[in-house]
Protein backbone atom coordinates (compact mmCIF):
# COMPACT_ATOMS: atom_id res chain seq x y z
CA MET A 1 107.83 94.31 88.33
CA ASN A 2 104.48 92.76 89.26
CA VAL A 3 103.57 92.23 92.89
CA TYR A 4 100.64 89.94 93.76
CA ALA A 5 98.97 90.44 97.15
CA VAL A 6 97.10 87.31 98.19
CA GLN A 7 94.23 88.35 100.46
CA LEU A 8 93.36 85.04 102.06
CA ASP A 9 90.60 83.84 104.36
CA CYS A 10 92.95 81.67 106.43
CA VAL A 11 91.57 78.37 107.71
CA TRP A 12 91.89 78.40 111.50
CA GLU A 13 94.81 76.23 112.67
CA ASP A 14 94.69 74.13 109.47
CA LYS A 15 97.80 74.59 107.37
CA ALA A 16 96.91 72.08 104.66
CA ALA A 17 93.53 73.70 104.06
CA SER A 18 95.04 77.20 104.02
CA PHE A 19 97.73 76.10 101.58
CA ALA A 20 95.04 74.70 99.28
CA ARG A 21 93.16 78.02 99.36
CA VAL A 22 96.32 79.90 98.39
CA ARG A 23 96.90 77.59 95.43
CA GLY A 24 93.31 78.01 94.30
CA LEU A 25 93.46 81.80 94.45
CA LEU A 26 96.74 81.97 92.53
CA ALA A 27 95.57 79.49 89.91
CA GLY A 28 93.09 82.05 88.63
CA ALA A 29 95.22 85.16 89.10
CA GLY A 30 97.19 85.14 85.84
CA VAL A 31 100.53 85.30 87.65
CA GLU A 32 103.46 86.17 85.37
CA THR A 33 106.95 84.87 86.02
CA GLY A 34 109.53 87.16 87.59
CA GLY A 35 107.13 88.83 90.00
CA LEU A 36 106.63 88.75 93.75
CA ILE A 37 103.79 86.97 95.56
CA VAL A 38 103.02 88.15 99.11
CA LEU A 39 100.88 86.23 101.63
CA PRO A 40 99.58 87.37 105.04
CA GLU A 41 101.19 86.91 108.44
CA MET A 42 100.79 83.36 109.83
CA PHE A 43 98.73 82.57 106.72
CA GLY A 44 98.67 78.85 107.42
CA THR A 45 96.89 79.04 110.77
CA GLY A 46 95.55 82.52 111.43
CA PHE A 47 96.58 84.39 114.58
CA SER A 48 96.70 81.37 116.86
CA LEU A 49 98.97 81.41 119.90
CA ALA A 50 98.62 77.63 120.34
CA THR A 51 102.24 76.90 119.59
CA ASP A 52 101.69 73.14 119.48
CA ARG A 53 99.67 73.81 116.30
CA THR A 54 101.67 76.65 114.77
CA VAL A 55 105.39 76.21 115.43
CA GLU A 56 107.62 74.49 112.89
CA ALA A 57 111.31 73.80 112.75
CA GLU A 58 113.17 75.96 110.24
CA GLY A 59 112.58 74.38 106.85
CA GLY A 60 109.25 72.86 107.88
CA ALA A 61 105.94 72.42 106.05
CA THR A 62 105.27 76.11 105.45
CA THR A 63 108.77 76.70 104.10
CA ASP A 64 108.33 73.74 101.77
CA PHE A 65 105.00 75.15 100.60
CA LEU A 66 106.47 78.60 99.92
CA LYS A 67 109.36 77.04 97.99
CA SER A 68 107.04 74.94 95.86
CA LEU A 69 104.82 77.96 95.17
CA ALA A 70 107.84 80.01 94.09
CA ALA A 71 109.03 77.25 91.76
CA GLU A 72 105.57 76.69 90.26
CA HIS A 73 104.98 80.36 89.44
CA GLY A 74 108.55 81.45 88.73
CA CYS A 75 108.19 84.23 91.28
CA ALA A 76 109.69 85.14 94.63
CA VAL A 77 107.23 84.47 97.46
CA VAL A 78 106.94 86.10 100.89
CA GLY A 79 104.72 84.62 103.60
CA GLY A 80 104.32 84.39 107.36
CA VAL A 81 105.39 81.39 109.42
CA VAL A 82 106.04 80.64 113.10
CA GLU A 83 109.39 78.90 113.46
CA ALA A 84 111.42 77.64 116.37
CA GLY A 85 114.76 79.39 116.48
CA THR A 86 118.00 77.66 117.35
CA ASP A 87 116.96 77.86 121.01
CA GLY A 88 113.65 76.14 120.26
CA ARG A 89 111.52 79.20 121.09
CA PRO A 90 108.84 80.45 118.63
CA ARG A 91 109.44 83.36 116.28
CA ASN A 92 106.77 85.02 114.14
CA ARG A 93 108.54 85.43 110.83
CA ALA A 94 108.25 86.65 107.26
CA LEU A 95 110.09 84.29 104.97
CA ALA A 96 111.14 85.22 101.42
CA VAL A 97 112.06 82.50 98.93
CA ALA A 98 113.16 82.55 95.29
CA PRO A 99 111.94 80.40 92.38
CA GLY A 100 115.10 78.30 92.72
CA ARG A 101 113.89 77.44 96.25
CA GLU A 102 116.68 79.36 98.00
CA ILE A 103 115.91 81.56 101.01
CA LEU A 104 116.19 85.25 100.19
CA ALA A 105 115.43 86.54 103.70
CA ARG A 106 114.16 85.36 107.07
CA TYR A 107 112.82 88.26 109.14
CA THR A 108 111.65 87.89 112.75
CA LYS A 109 108.86 90.25 113.89
CA ILE A 110 110.53 92.86 116.07
CA HIS A 111 107.30 93.89 117.79
CA PRO A 112 105.10 90.96 118.89
CA PHE A 113 101.60 92.26 119.66
CA SER A 114 101.43 92.49 123.45
CA GLY A 115 97.77 93.57 123.33
CA ALA A 116 96.76 90.06 122.28
CA GLY A 117 99.32 88.20 124.39
CA GLU A 118 101.71 87.51 121.54
CA ALA A 119 104.71 89.01 123.32
CA ALA A 120 104.42 86.30 126.00
CA VAL A 121 104.56 83.57 123.35
CA HIS A 122 106.79 84.71 120.47
CA VAL A 123 110.37 85.91 120.89
CA ALA A 124 110.96 89.40 119.48
CA GLY A 125 113.35 89.86 116.61
CA THR A 126 116.25 92.28 116.78
CA GLU A 127 117.28 92.93 113.17
CA VAL A 128 115.94 94.71 110.11
CA VAL A 129 116.69 92.71 106.96
CA THR A 130 116.57 93.44 103.23
CA PHE A 131 116.75 91.40 100.05
CA LEU A 132 117.04 92.10 96.33
CA TRP A 133 114.54 90.91 93.75
CA GLY A 134 113.54 92.14 90.31
CA GLY A 135 115.86 95.13 90.46
CA LEU A 136 114.42 96.47 93.73
CA CYS A 137 115.47 96.33 97.37
CA PHE A 138 112.79 94.96 99.72
CA ALA A 139 112.42 95.05 103.51
CA PRO A 140 109.90 92.66 105.09
CA PHE A 141 108.10 93.51 108.32
CA VAL A 142 105.15 91.89 110.10
CA CYS A 143 101.83 93.50 111.13
CA TYR A 144 102.29 95.37 114.45
CA ASP A 145 105.74 96.53 113.29
CA LEU A 146 103.81 99.04 111.18
CA ARG A 147 103.22 101.20 114.26
CA PHE A 148 106.97 101.72 114.81
CA PRO A 149 108.36 104.08 112.16
CA GLU A 150 111.94 103.84 113.39
CA VAL A 151 112.44 100.33 112.00
CA PHE A 152 111.14 101.40 108.59
CA ARG A 153 113.50 104.37 108.59
CA ALA A 154 116.35 102.04 109.46
CA ALA A 155 115.41 99.83 106.50
CA ALA A 156 115.31 102.85 104.19
CA GLY A 157 118.77 103.73 105.45
CA ARG A 158 119.90 100.29 104.27
CA GLY A 159 118.55 100.91 100.81
CA ALA A 160 115.02 99.52 101.07
CA GLU A 161 112.76 100.77 98.29
CA VAL A 162 109.75 98.56 99.00
CA PHE A 163 108.30 97.66 102.41
CA LEU A 164 106.39 94.38 102.64
CA VAL A 165 103.94 94.06 105.54
CA PRO A 166 102.23 90.66 105.83
CA ALA A 167 99.58 91.13 108.51
CA LEU A 168 96.60 89.90 110.47
CA TRP A 169 95.17 93.37 111.15
CA PRO A 170 91.70 93.44 112.78
CA ALA A 171 88.80 95.17 111.04
CA ARG A 172 88.13 97.55 113.92
CA ARG A 173 91.49 99.24 113.31
CA GLN A 174 91.30 99.31 109.51
CA HIS A 175 91.69 103.09 109.42
CA HIS A 176 95.00 102.81 111.28
CA TRP A 177 96.19 100.13 108.84
CA LEU A 178 95.61 102.25 105.77
CA THR A 179 96.88 105.48 107.30
CA LEU A 180 100.07 103.93 108.67
CA LEU A 181 100.91 102.21 105.38
CA GLN A 182 100.54 105.53 103.60
CA ALA A 183 102.63 107.28 106.25
CA ARG A 184 105.46 104.73 106.04
CA ALA A 185 105.47 105.13 102.25
CA ILE A 186 105.42 108.94 102.29
CA GLU A 187 108.02 109.50 105.00
CA ASN A 188 110.48 107.03 103.46
CA GLN A 189 109.69 107.71 99.78
CA ALA A 190 109.11 104.00 99.27
CA TYR A 191 106.45 101.59 98.10
CA ALA A 192 104.49 99.90 100.89
CA VAL A 193 102.75 96.57 100.23
CA GLY A 194 100.36 95.64 103.03
CA VAL A 195 98.83 92.16 102.76
CA ASN A 196 96.08 91.36 105.24
CA ARG A 197 93.67 88.46 105.68
CA CYS A 198 89.91 88.63 105.38
CA GLY A 199 87.27 86.59 107.23
CA ALA A 200 87.11 85.82 110.94
CA GLU A 201 88.79 83.88 113.75
CA PRO A 202 87.67 83.10 117.32
CA GLU A 203 89.03 86.42 118.64
CA PHE A 204 89.17 88.78 115.66
CA SER A 205 87.42 89.64 112.42
CA TYR A 206 89.26 91.07 109.42
CA SER A 207 88.26 93.41 106.63
CA GLY A 208 91.10 92.68 104.23
CA ARG A 209 92.03 95.96 102.51
CA SER A 210 95.35 94.65 101.27
CA VAL A 211 96.87 97.60 99.45
CA VAL A 212 99.89 98.73 97.49
CA VAL A 213 100.92 102.32 98.21
CA ASP A 214 103.30 104.25 95.99
CA PRO A 215 106.12 106.52 97.28
CA HIS A 216 103.76 109.53 97.17
CA GLY A 217 101.30 107.81 99.51
CA ILE A 218 98.77 107.05 96.77
CA ILE A 219 97.00 103.68 96.93
CA ILE A 220 97.56 102.11 93.50
CA ALA A 221 95.91 98.75 94.26
CA ASP A 222 93.25 97.81 96.80
CA ALA A 223 91.86 94.30 97.32
CA GLY A 224 88.77 95.55 99.14
CA GLU A 225 87.19 93.05 101.55
CA PRO A 226 86.74 89.73 99.66
CA GLU A 227 89.21 86.87 99.35
CA ARG A 228 91.18 87.62 96.17
CA VAL A 229 94.55 88.34 94.59
CA VAL A 230 95.32 91.93 93.62
CA ARG A 231 98.18 92.97 91.33
CA ALA A 232 100.24 96.14 91.11
CA VAL A 233 103.32 97.21 89.19
CA LEU A 234 106.37 98.38 91.15
CA GLU A 235 108.61 100.68 89.11
CA PRO A 236 112.20 101.33 90.23
CA ASP A 237 112.29 104.66 88.41
CA VAL A 238 109.31 105.94 90.42
CA VAL A 239 110.94 105.49 93.81
CA ARG A 240 114.44 106.44 92.69
CA GLY A 241 113.28 109.45 90.70
CA TRP A 242 111.26 110.81 93.64
CA ARG A 243 114.17 110.34 96.04
CA ARG A 244 116.44 112.15 93.59
CA ASP A 245 114.06 115.03 92.85
CA PHE A 246 112.86 115.54 96.42
CA PRO A 247 115.79 114.43 98.63
CA ALA A 248 114.06 114.36 102.00
CA LEU A 249 115.97 111.25 103.14
CA ARG A 250 119.27 112.94 102.34
CA ASP A 251 118.23 116.05 104.26
CA ARG A 252 117.57 114.20 107.49
CA HIS A 253 119.69 115.38 110.46
CA TRP A 254 118.41 113.35 113.41
CA ARG A 255 120.21 109.98 113.28
CA GLU A 256 119.69 108.27 116.64
CA ALA A 257 117.01 105.92 115.23
CA ASP A 258 119.67 104.22 113.07
């Protein structure tokens, strides 16, 4: 199955302009039906904590955009959005939608980034979620979650074969980004798809480096630094064969993290 990582230079606090950039990038990417398109965290606005400009009701403009993108390309689409939960408080989420416009998964970031003040603005999620697409089991996470291996192990325990990490990961910690994606892939014998933005915002600059990592920790696709779409092929037999032939997950004894 093809996965398309959309490395976007988000337009600061301008959803319509960011949506237009996504459409333009995908128009020239040769997207084939049946695949998976992944966009960065909060791709419509960048990492703004101005909730009057970011927050939507569930089913708002960003959800509509993701649904239309999925229908147009015949692919599932995953992208970041800030939504008000049933209590009206903001959640930083990764939303997965199918070509038929149905919601496949709605994941709330479990670890808001306290270092930038996000934890004071966005409510933390409490649940790992998975969804099925193209014969594989996916688990979406968001950015700072990458530093917490226990939630990835919990997802693997629920059958996840591919981790999706939409992110807004600053350039100055690029080495951590790449190393942690490889670590999450190796230790869970899973694919890891990290999709970051490029460009700059008022507080942070970004170096892109959206990558797809295979279950052996090898980077099989790398977007580099420019705005672009990068494609990789995810093969069920690769992840399942490695788990069968080298059963490290089965051999685990320490279970408290579940």
